[in-house]
Amino acid sequence: MKKDLEIIETQIDNGDIIAKRIRNRLFQVRKRHNLTIQKLLTSDFFANSESTSEFFSLTIEGFTKRINAAYDLRSLYVHTGTEFGPWLTIGMRDNYEINLGQPVIKDKTLKKLIQDCPTLFGLERIMRYCLLRFIHLHGCKIDDSLEGDGLIK
């Protein structure tokens, strides 16, 4: 994608303007992904963690950073094939939703994304809650605990 944008910038009239518009649109996908999740999650989600230790539970504080890291890690995998699976499966049997500490990885960008990203269990819990709440709000009522405002309106 970077090479394609460079070609557009250098070989097309007004290519710099076109490339900038494309870049801005790409970031909107990430933004919409994150806004959707934050609209569907409620404070009740964070109050009822399934982790065996509160130190490994998702919290409202820093949640935006975590969901951004998850999206960026997904993008890194899709665009480069960088593998990260084993780093996000730590603590699965104890339902850890986040990792604590820093992974031992040379690539600083990957290290930071893995450190900030929820574990696979945490990601699964986020998606499960979002799907249930979406169905509850737009389909059939499931449970009264799924009512109320999301983290953002």
N, C-alpha and C. Protein backbone atom coordinates (compact mmCIF):
# COMPACT_ATOMS: atom_id res chain seq x y z
N MET A 1 0.83 -1.19 0.00
CA MET A 1 0.00 0.00 0.00
C MET A 1 0.87 1.25 0.00
N LYS A 2 1.96 1.22 0.79
CA LYS A 2 2.87 2.38 0.82
C LYS A 2 3.48 2.63 -0.55
N LYS A 3 3.89 1.56 -1.23
CA LYS A 3 4.49 1.70 -2.56
C LYS A 3 3.46 2.25 -3.55
N ASP A 4 2.23 1.76 -3.45
CA ASP A 4 1.17 2.26 -4.34
C ASP A 4 0.92 3.74 -4.10
N LEU A 5 0.90 4.16 -2.85
CA LEU A 5 0.69 5.58 -2.54
C LEU A 5 1.86 6.43 -3.04
N GLU A 6 3.07 5.90 -2.95
CA GLU A 6 4.24 6.63 -3.48
C GLU A 6 4.14 6.80 -5.00
N ILE A 7 3.68 5.77 -5.68
CA ILE A 7 3.50 5.85 -7.13
C ILE A 7 2.45 6.91 -7.47
N ILE A 8 1.36 6.90 -6.75
CA ILE A 8 0.30 7.90 -6.97
C ILE A 8 0.85 9.30 -6.75
N GLU A 9 1.61 9.49 -5.67
CA GLU A 9 2.17 10.81 -5.35
C GLU A 9 3.12 11.32 -6.44
N THR A 10 3.92 10.42 -6.99
CA THR A 10 4.98 10.86 -7.91
C THR A 10 4.61 10.81 -9.38
N GLN A 11 3.63 10.02 -9.76
CA GLN A 11 3.38 9.81 -11.18
C GLN A 11 2.04 10.34 -11.69
N ILE A 12 1.23 10.88 -10.80
CA ILE A 12 -0.08 11.38 -11.21
C ILE A 12 -0.16 12.87 -10.88
N ASP A 13 -0.77 13.64 -11.78
CA ASP A 13 -1.01 15.05 -11.48
C ASP A 13 -1.85 15.16 -10.22
N ASN A 14 -1.45 16.04 -9.32
CA ASN A 14 -2.12 16.20 -8.02
C ASN A 14 -2.10 14.91 -7.21
N GLY A 15 -1.12 14.06 -7.47
CA GLY A 15 -1.02 12.78 -6.77
C GLY A 15 -0.85 12.91 -5.28
N ASP A 16 -0.18 13.98 -4.84
CA ASP A 16 0.00 14.16 -3.40
C ASP A 16 -1.33 14.39 -2.70
N ILE A 17 -2.23 15.11 -3.35
CA ILE A 17 -3.56 15.36 -2.79
C ILE A 17 -4.38 14.07 -2.76
N ILE A 18 -4.31 13.31 -3.84
CA ILE A 18 -5.06 12.04 -3.93
C ILE A 18 -4.54 11.05 -2.88
N ALA A 19 -3.22 10.93 -2.77
CA ALA A 19 -2.62 10.00 -1.80
C ALA A 19 -3.00 10.38 -0.38
N LYS A 20 -3.01 11.68 -0.09
CA LYS A 20 -3.39 12.14 1.25
C LYS A 20 -4.85 11.77 1.55
N ARG A 21 -5.72 11.95 0.56
CA ARG A 21 -7.13 11.61 0.74
C ARG A 21 -7.30 10.10 1.01
N ILE A 22 -6.54 9.27 0.29
CA ILE A 22 -6.60 7.82 0.50
C ILE A 22 -6.11 7.46 1.89
N ARG A 23 -4.99 8.05 2.31
CA ARG A 23 -4.46 7.78 3.66
C ARG A 23 -5.49 8.13 4.73
N ASN A 24 -6.12 9.29 4.59
CA ASN A 24 -7.13 9.70 5.57
C ASN A 24 -8.30 8.74 5.63
N ARG A 25 -8.71 8.21 4.50
CA ARG A 25 -9.82 7.25 4.46
C ARG A 25 -9.43 5.94 5.13
N LEU A 26 -8.18 5.53 4.96
CA LEU A 26 -7.72 4.29 5.59
C LEU A 26 -7.81 4.39 7.11
N PHE A 27 -7.46 5.55 7.65
CA PHE A 27 -7.53 5.73 9.10
C PHE A 27 -8.96 5.77 9.60
N GLN A 28 -9.91 6.13 8.74
CA GLN A 28 -11.31 6.15 9.17
C GLN A 28 -11.82 4.75 9.49
N VAL A 29 -11.32 3.74 8.81
CA VAL A 29 -11.74 2.36 9.10
C VAL A 29 -11.37 2.02 10.53
N ARG A 30 -10.14 2.32 10.91
CA ARG A 30 -9.68 2.08 12.28
C ARG A 30 -10.53 2.86 13.28
N LYS A 31 -10.78 4.12 12.98
CA LYS A 31 -11.56 4.96 13.87
C LYS A 31 -12.98 4.43 14.03
N ARG A 32 -13.61 4.04 12.94
CA ARG A 32 -14.98 3.51 13.01
C ARG A 32 -15.03 2.19 13.78
N HIS A 33 -14.04 1.36 13.58
CA HIS A 33 -13.94 0.10 14.33
C HIS A 33 -13.93 0.38 15.83
N ASN A 34 -13.07 1.30 16.23
CA ASN A 34 -12.93 1.61 17.65
C ASN A 34 -14.16 2.30 18.22
N LEU A 35 -14.75 3.21 17.46
CA LEU A 35 -15.97 3.89 17.93
C LEU A 35 -17.12 2.91 18.10
N THR A 36 -17.24 1.98 17.18
CA THR A 36 -18.31 0.99 17.27
C THR A 36 -18.18 0.16 18.54
N ILE A 37 -16.99 -0.29 18.82
CA ILE A 37 -16.77 -1.09 20.03
C ILE A 37 -17.08 -0.26 21.28
N GLN A 38 -16.63 0.99 21.30
CA GLN A 38 -16.87 1.81 22.48
C GLN A 38 -18.33 2.23 22.64
N LYS A 39 -19.07 2.26 21.54
CA LYS A 39 -20.51 2.53 21.64
C LYS A 39 -21.26 1.32 22.20
N LEU A 40 -20.75 0.13 21.91
CA LEU A 40 -21.44 -1.08 22.36
C LEU A 40 -21.05 -1.50 23.78
N LEU A 41 -19.84 -1.22 24.20
CA LEU A 41 -19.43 -1.59 25.55
C LEU A 41 -20.01 -0.62 26.57
N THR A 42 -20.38 -1.15 27.72
CA THR A 42 -20.90 -0.33 28.81
C THR A 42 -19.98 -0.48 30.03
N SER A 43 -20.21 0.33 31.02
CA SER A 43 -19.41 0.22 32.25
C SER A 43 -19.65 -1.14 32.92
N ASP A 44 -20.81 -1.74 32.68
CA ASP A 44 -21.11 -3.07 33.22
C ASP A 44 -20.12 -4.12 32.71
N PHE A 45 -19.67 -3.97 31.48
CA PHE A 45 -18.68 -4.89 30.91
C PHE A 45 -17.44 -4.93 31.78
N PHE A 46 -16.96 -3.77 32.21
CA PHE A 46 -15.74 -3.69 32.99
C PHE A 46 -15.96 -4.09 34.44
N ALA A 47 -17.17 -3.95 34.93
CA ALA A 47 -17.47 -4.30 36.32
C ALA A 47 -17.58 -5.81 36.52
N ASN A 48 -17.73 -6.56 35.44
CA ASN A 48 -17.95 -8.01 35.54
C ASN A 48 -16.89 -8.80 34.78
N SER A 49 -15.65 -8.61 35.14
CA SER A 49 -14.56 -9.31 34.48
C SER A 49 -14.65 -10.81 34.75
N GLU A 50 -14.14 -11.60 33.82
CA GLU A 50 -14.09 -13.05 33.99
C GLU A 50 -12.69 -13.53 34.36
N SER A 51 -11.77 -12.59 34.52
CA SER A 51 -10.39 -12.94 34.86
C SER A 51 -10.31 -13.43 36.30
N THR A 52 -9.41 -14.38 36.56
CA THR A 52 -9.23 -14.89 37.92
C THR A 52 -8.46 -13.91 38.79
N SER A 53 -7.88 -12.89 38.19
CA SER A 53 -7.13 -11.87 38.94
C SER A 53 -7.49 -10.50 38.40
N GLU A 54 -7.80 -9.57 39.29
CA GLU A 54 -8.18 -8.23 38.83
C GLU A 54 -7.01 -7.51 38.15
N PHE A 55 -5.79 -7.91 38.44
CA PHE A 55 -4.63 -7.31 37.80
C PHE A 55 -4.58 -7.61 36.30
N PHE A 56 -5.26 -8.66 35.88
CA PHE A 56 -5.27 -9.06 34.48
C PHE A 56 -6.61 -8.79 33.82
N SER A 57 -7.40 -7.88 34.40
CA SER A 57 -8.72 -7.54 33.87
C SER A 57 -8.65 -6.28 33.02
N LEU A 58 -9.50 -6.22 32.02
CA LEU A 58 -9.64 -5.00 31.24
C LEU A 58 -10.28 -3.92 32.11
N THR A 59 -9.84 -2.68 31.95
CA THR A 59 -10.42 -1.56 32.67
C THR A 59 -10.76 -0.45 31.67
N ILE A 60 -11.61 0.46 32.11
CA ILE A 60 -11.97 1.59 31.25
C ILE A 60 -10.74 2.45 30.99
N GLU A 61 -9.91 2.61 32.01
CA GLU A 61 -8.69 3.41 31.86
C GLU A 61 -7.78 2.75 30.83
N GLY A 62 -7.44 3.47 29.83
CA GLY A 62 -6.53 2.95 28.81
C GLY A 62 -7.16 2.00 27.82
N PHE A 63 -8.48 1.85 27.86
CA PHE A 63 -9.13 0.90 26.95
C PHE A 63 -8.98 1.30 25.49
N THR A 64 -9.09 2.59 25.21
CA THR A 64 -8.95 3.05 23.83
C THR A 64 -7.59 2.65 23.27
N LYS A 65 -6.56 2.80 24.08
CA LYS A 65 -5.20 2.41 23.65
C LYS A 65 -5.16 0.91 23.35
N ARG A 66 -5.82 0.12 24.14
CA ARG A 66 -5.81 -1.33 23.96
C ARG A 66 -6.55 -1.75 22.69
N ILE A 67 -7.69 -1.14 22.43
CA ILE A 67 -8.46 -1.54 21.24
C ILE A 67 -7.77 -1.01 19.98
N ASN A 68 -7.09 0.13 20.08
CA ASN A 68 -6.29 0.63 18.95
C ASN A 68 -5.14 -0.34 18.66
N ALA A 69 -4.49 -0.82 19.71
CA ALA A 69 -3.38 -1.76 19.54
C ALA A 69 -3.87 -3.05 18.88
N ALA A 70 -5.04 -3.51 19.27
CA ALA A 70 -5.58 -4.74 18.68
C ALA A 70 -5.81 -4.55 17.17
N TYR A 71 -6.37 -3.41 16.80
CA TYR A 71 -6.60 -3.14 15.38
C TYR A 71 -5.28 -3.03 14.63
N ASP A 72 -4.33 -2.34 15.21
CA ASP A 72 -3.03 -2.15 14.56
C ASP A 72 -2.27 -3.47 14.43
N LEU A 73 -2.40 -4.33 15.43
CA LEU A 73 -1.76 -5.65 15.38
C LEU A 73 -2.38 -6.50 14.28
N ARG A 74 -3.69 -6.43 14.16
CA ARG A 74 -4.39 -7.12 13.08
C ARG A 74 -3.89 -6.62 11.72
N SER A 75 -3.77 -5.30 11.59
CA SER A 75 -3.30 -4.71 10.34
C SER A 75 -1.88 -5.15 10.02
N LEU A 76 -1.03 -5.18 11.03
CA LEU A 76 0.35 -5.62 10.84
C LEU A 76 0.40 -7.05 10.32
N TYR A 77 -0.44 -7.90 10.88
CA TYR A 77 -0.50 -9.29 10.43
C TYR A 77 -1.00 -9.39 8.99
N VAL A 78 -2.08 -8.67 8.69
CA VAL A 78 -2.68 -8.72 7.36
C VAL A 78 -1.71 -8.21 6.30
N HIS A 79 -0.99 -7.14 6.60
CA HIS A 79 -0.14 -6.51 5.59
C HIS A 79 1.28 -7.09 5.52
N THR A 80 1.77 -7.69 6.61
CA THR A 80 3.15 -8.18 6.60
C THR A 80 3.28 -9.65 6.96
N GLY A 81 2.23 -10.23 7.53
CA GLY A 81 2.31 -11.64 7.95
C GLY A 81 3.01 -11.84 9.28
N THR A 82 3.30 -10.75 9.98
CA THR A 82 3.96 -10.85 11.28
C THR A 82 3.11 -11.66 12.24
N GLU A 83 3.70 -12.70 12.82
CA GLU A 83 2.97 -13.57 13.75
C GLU A 83 3.09 -13.06 15.17
N PHE A 84 2.02 -13.21 15.93
CA PHE A 84 1.99 -12.73 17.30
C PHE A 84 1.18 -13.62 18.23
N GLY A 85 0.55 -14.65 17.68
CA GLY A 85 -0.38 -15.49 18.42
C GLY A 85 0.07 -15.95 19.79
N PRO A 86 1.27 -16.54 19.91
CA PRO A 86 1.68 -17.04 21.23
C PRO A 86 1.73 -15.96 22.31
N TRP A 87 2.02 -14.73 21.94
CA TRP A 87 2.10 -13.66 22.92
C TRP A 87 0.73 -13.29 23.49
N LEU A 88 -0.33 -13.56 22.74
CA LEU A 88 -1.67 -13.19 23.20
C LEU A 88 -2.42 -14.35 23.84
N THR A 89 -1.79 -15.50 23.94
CA THR A 89 -2.45 -16.64 24.57
C THR A 89 -1.98 -16.87 26.00
N ILE A 90 -1.09 -16.01 26.47
CA ILE A 90 -0.58 -16.14 27.84
C ILE A 90 -1.74 -15.97 28.83
N GLY A 91 -1.82 -16.87 29.80
CA GLY A 91 -2.83 -16.78 30.84
C GLY A 91 -4.22 -17.21 30.41
N MET A 92 -4.34 -17.96 29.34
CA MET A 92 -5.67 -18.35 28.84
C MET A 92 -6.46 -19.17 29.86
N ARG A 93 -5.81 -20.07 30.55
CA ARG A 93 -6.58 -20.91 31.48
C ARG A 93 -7.06 -20.13 32.70
N ASP A 94 -6.45 -18.98 32.95
CA ASP A 94 -6.87 -18.12 34.06
C ASP A 94 -7.70 -16.93 33.59
N ASN A 95 -8.08 -16.96 32.32
CA ASN A 95 -8.92 -15.91 31.73
C ASN A 95 -8.29 -14.53 31.81
N TYR A 96 -6.97 -14.45 31.65
CA TYR A 96 -6.32 -13.14 31.64
C TYR A 96 -6.79 -12.36 30.42
N GLU A 97 -7.22 -11.14 30.66
CA GLU A 97 -7.72 -10.30 29.59
C GLU A 97 -6.65 -9.36 29.03
N ILE A 98 -5.59 -9.15 29.80
CA ILE A 98 -4.47 -8.33 29.37
C ILE A 98 -3.17 -9.00 29.76
N ASN A 99 -2.10 -8.58 29.10
CA ASN A 99 -0.76 -9.02 29.48
C ASN A 99 -0.15 -7.97 30.39
N LEU A 100 0.65 -8.41 31.33
CA LEU A 100 1.43 -7.47 32.13
C LEU A 100 2.89 -7.66 31.78
N GLY A 101 3.62 -6.57 31.76
CA GLY A 101 5.03 -6.65 31.41
C GLY A 101 5.24 -6.49 29.93
N GLN A 102 6.51 -6.57 29.54
CA GLN A 102 6.87 -6.38 28.15
C GLN A 102 7.36 -7.69 27.55
N PRO A 103 6.90 -8.00 26.34
CA PRO A 103 7.42 -9.20 25.67
C PRO A 103 8.88 -8.97 25.25
N VAL A 104 9.62 -10.05 25.18
CA VAL A 104 11.02 -9.96 24.77
C VAL A 104 11.08 -10.09 23.25
N ILE A 105 11.00 -8.94 22.58
CA ILE A 105 10.98 -8.87 21.12
C ILE A 105 11.85 -7.69 20.71
N LYS A 106 12.63 -7.87 19.65
CA LYS A 106 13.51 -6.79 19.18
C LYS A 106 12.73 -5.67 18.51
N ASP A 107 11.71 -6.01 17.74
CA ASP A 107 10.92 -5.02 17.01
C ASP A 107 10.12 -4.17 18.01
N LYS A 108 10.47 -2.90 18.14
CA LYS A 108 9.85 -2.02 19.14
C LYS A 108 8.36 -1.79 18.89
N THR A 109 7.99 -1.68 17.62
CA THR A 109 6.58 -1.46 17.29
C THR A 109 5.75 -2.67 17.69
N LEU A 110 6.21 -3.86 17.30
CA LEU A 110 5.50 -5.09 17.64
C LEU A 110 5.44 -5.27 19.15
N LYS A 111 6.53 -5.00 19.82
CA LYS A 111 6.60 -5.13 21.29
C LYS A 111 5.53 -4.27 21.95
N LYS A 112 5.41 -3.01 21.51
CA LYS A 112 4.44 -2.08 22.09
C LYS A 112 3.01 -2.53 21.79
N LEU A 113 2.75 -2.98 20.57
CA LEU A 113 1.40 -3.43 20.23
C LEU A 113 1.00 -4.64 21.06
N ILE A 114 1.90 -5.60 21.22
CA ILE A 114 1.58 -6.80 22.00
C ILE A 114 1.37 -6.43 23.47
N GLN A 115 2.19 -5.53 23.96
CA GLN A 115 2.06 -5.09 25.36
C GLN A 115 0.70 -4.43 25.61
N ASP A 116 0.23 -3.64 24.66
CA ASP A 116 -1.01 -2.89 24.84
C ASP A 116 -2.26 -3.68 24.47
N CYS A 117 -2.14 -4.66 23.59
CA CYS A 117 -3.28 -5.40 23.08
C CYS A 117 -3.89 -6.32 24.14
N PRO A 118 -5.21 -6.44 24.18
CA PRO A 118 -5.80 -7.46 25.05
C PRO A 118 -5.36 -8.85 24.61
N THR A 119 -5.42 -9.81 25.50
CA THR A 119 -5.13 -11.20 25.15
C THR A 119 -6.25 -11.71 24.25
N LEU A 120 -6.06 -12.89 23.69
CA LEU A 120 -7.13 -13.48 22.86
C LEU A 120 -8.39 -13.68 23.69
N PHE A 121 -8.23 -14.04 24.97
CA PHE A 121 -9.41 -14.19 25.82
C PHE A 121 -10.11 -12.84 26.00
N GLY A 122 -9.33 -11.78 26.22
CA GLY A 122 -9.90 -10.44 26.36
C GLY A 122 -10.60 -9.99 25.09
N LEU A 123 -9.98 -10.25 23.94
CA LEU A 123 -10.60 -9.89 22.66
C LEU A 123 -11.88 -10.66 22.43
N GLU A 124 -11.87 -11.94 22.77
CA GLU A 124 -13.08 -12.77 22.62
C GLU A 124 -14.20 -12.23 23.50
N ARG A 125 -13.87 -11.86 24.73
CA ARG A 125 -14.87 -11.33 25.66
C ARG A 125 -15.44 -10.00 25.15
N ILE A 126 -14.58 -9.14 24.61
CA ILE A 126 -15.04 -7.86 24.05
C ILE A 126 -16.02 -8.12 22.91
N MET A 127 -15.65 -9.00 21.98
CA MET A 127 -16.50 -9.27 20.81
C MET A 127 -17.81 -9.94 21.22
N ARG A 128 -17.73 -10.87 22.17
CA ARG A 128 -18.95 -11.55 22.64
C ARG A 128 -19.92 -10.53 23.22
N TYR A 129 -19.43 -9.65 24.07
CA TYR A 129 -20.28 -8.64 24.69
C TYR A 129 -20.86 -7.70 23.63
N CYS A 130 -20.02 -7.25 22.70
CA CYS A 130 -20.49 -6.35 21.64
C CYS A 130 -21.58 -7.00 20.80
N LEU A 131 -21.39 -8.25 20.44
CA LEU A 131 -22.39 -8.96 19.64
C LEU A 131 -23.70 -9.12 20.41
N LEU A 132 -23.62 -9.52 21.66
CA LEU A 132 -24.83 -9.68 22.47
C LEU A 132 -25.56 -8.34 22.62
N ARG A 133 -24.82 -7.29 22.88
CA ARG A 133 -25.44 -5.98 23.05
C ARG A 133 -26.05 -5.48 21.74
N PHE A 134 -25.38 -5.71 20.62
CA PHE A 134 -25.92 -5.30 19.32
C PHE A 134 -27.24 -6.03 19.06
N ILE A 135 -27.26 -7.33 19.30
CA ILE A 135 -28.50 -8.11 19.10
C ILE A 135 -29.58 -7.60 20.04
N HIS A 136 -29.21 -7.32 21.28
CA HIS A 136 -30.17 -6.83 22.26
C HIS A 136 -30.76 -5.48 21.84
N LEU A 137 -29.92 -4.59 21.36
CA LEU A 137 -30.38 -3.24 21.00
C LEU A 137 -31.11 -3.19 19.66
N HIS A 138 -30.78 -4.10 18.74
CA HIS A 138 -31.32 -4.01 17.38
C HIS A 138 -32.11 -5.24 16.94
N GLY A 139 -32.29 -6.19 17.77
CA GLY A 139 -32.99 -7.40 17.38
C GLY A 139 -33.98 -7.83 18.45
N CYS A 140 -33.56 -8.78 19.22
CA CYS A 140 -34.43 -9.26 20.30
C CYS A 140 -33.78 -9.00 21.65
N LYS A 141 -34.59 -8.63 22.60
CA LYS A 141 -34.11 -8.33 23.95
C LYS A 141 -33.56 -9.62 24.57
N ILE A 142 -32.36 -9.51 25.13
CA ILE A 142 -31.70 -10.67 25.71
C ILE A 142 -31.68 -10.59 27.23
N ASP A 143 -31.22 -9.44 27.75
CA ASP A 143 -31.07 -9.28 29.19
C ASP A 143 -31.05 -7.79 29.51
N ASP A 144 -31.71 -7.41 30.60
CA ASP A 144 -31.76 -5.99 30.98
C ASP A 144 -30.39 -5.40 31.27
N SER A 145 -29.40 -6.22 31.62
CA SER A 145 -28.07 -5.70 31.91
C SER A 145 -27.38 -5.16 30.66
N LEU A 146 -27.94 -5.45 29.48
CA LEU A 146 -27.37 -4.95 28.23
C LEU A 146 -27.94 -3.59 27.83
N GLU A 147 -28.83 -3.05 28.64
CA GLU A 147 -29.41 -1.73 28.40
C GLU A 147 -28.40 -0.65 28.80
N GLY A 148 -28.73 0.59 28.48
CA GLY A 148 -27.93 1.72 28.94
C GLY A 148 -27.01 2.26 27.87
N ASP A 149 -26.30 3.30 28.24
CA ASP A 149 -25.39 3.96 27.32
C ASP A 149 -24.09 3.21 27.19
N GLY A 150 -23.48 3.33 26.04
CA GLY A 150 -22.16 2.79 25.84
C GLY A 150 -21.12 3.72 26.45
N LEU A 151 -19.86 3.40 26.28
CA LEU A 151 -18.79 4.26 26.80
C LEU A 151 -18.84 5.62 26.15
N ILE A 152 -19.23 5.66 24.87
CA ILE A 152 -19.45 6.92 24.16
C ILE A 152 -20.80 6.85 23.48
N LYS A 153 -21.41 7.98 23.26
CA LYS A 153 -22.73 8.01 22.64
C LYS A 153 -22.61 8.22 21.15
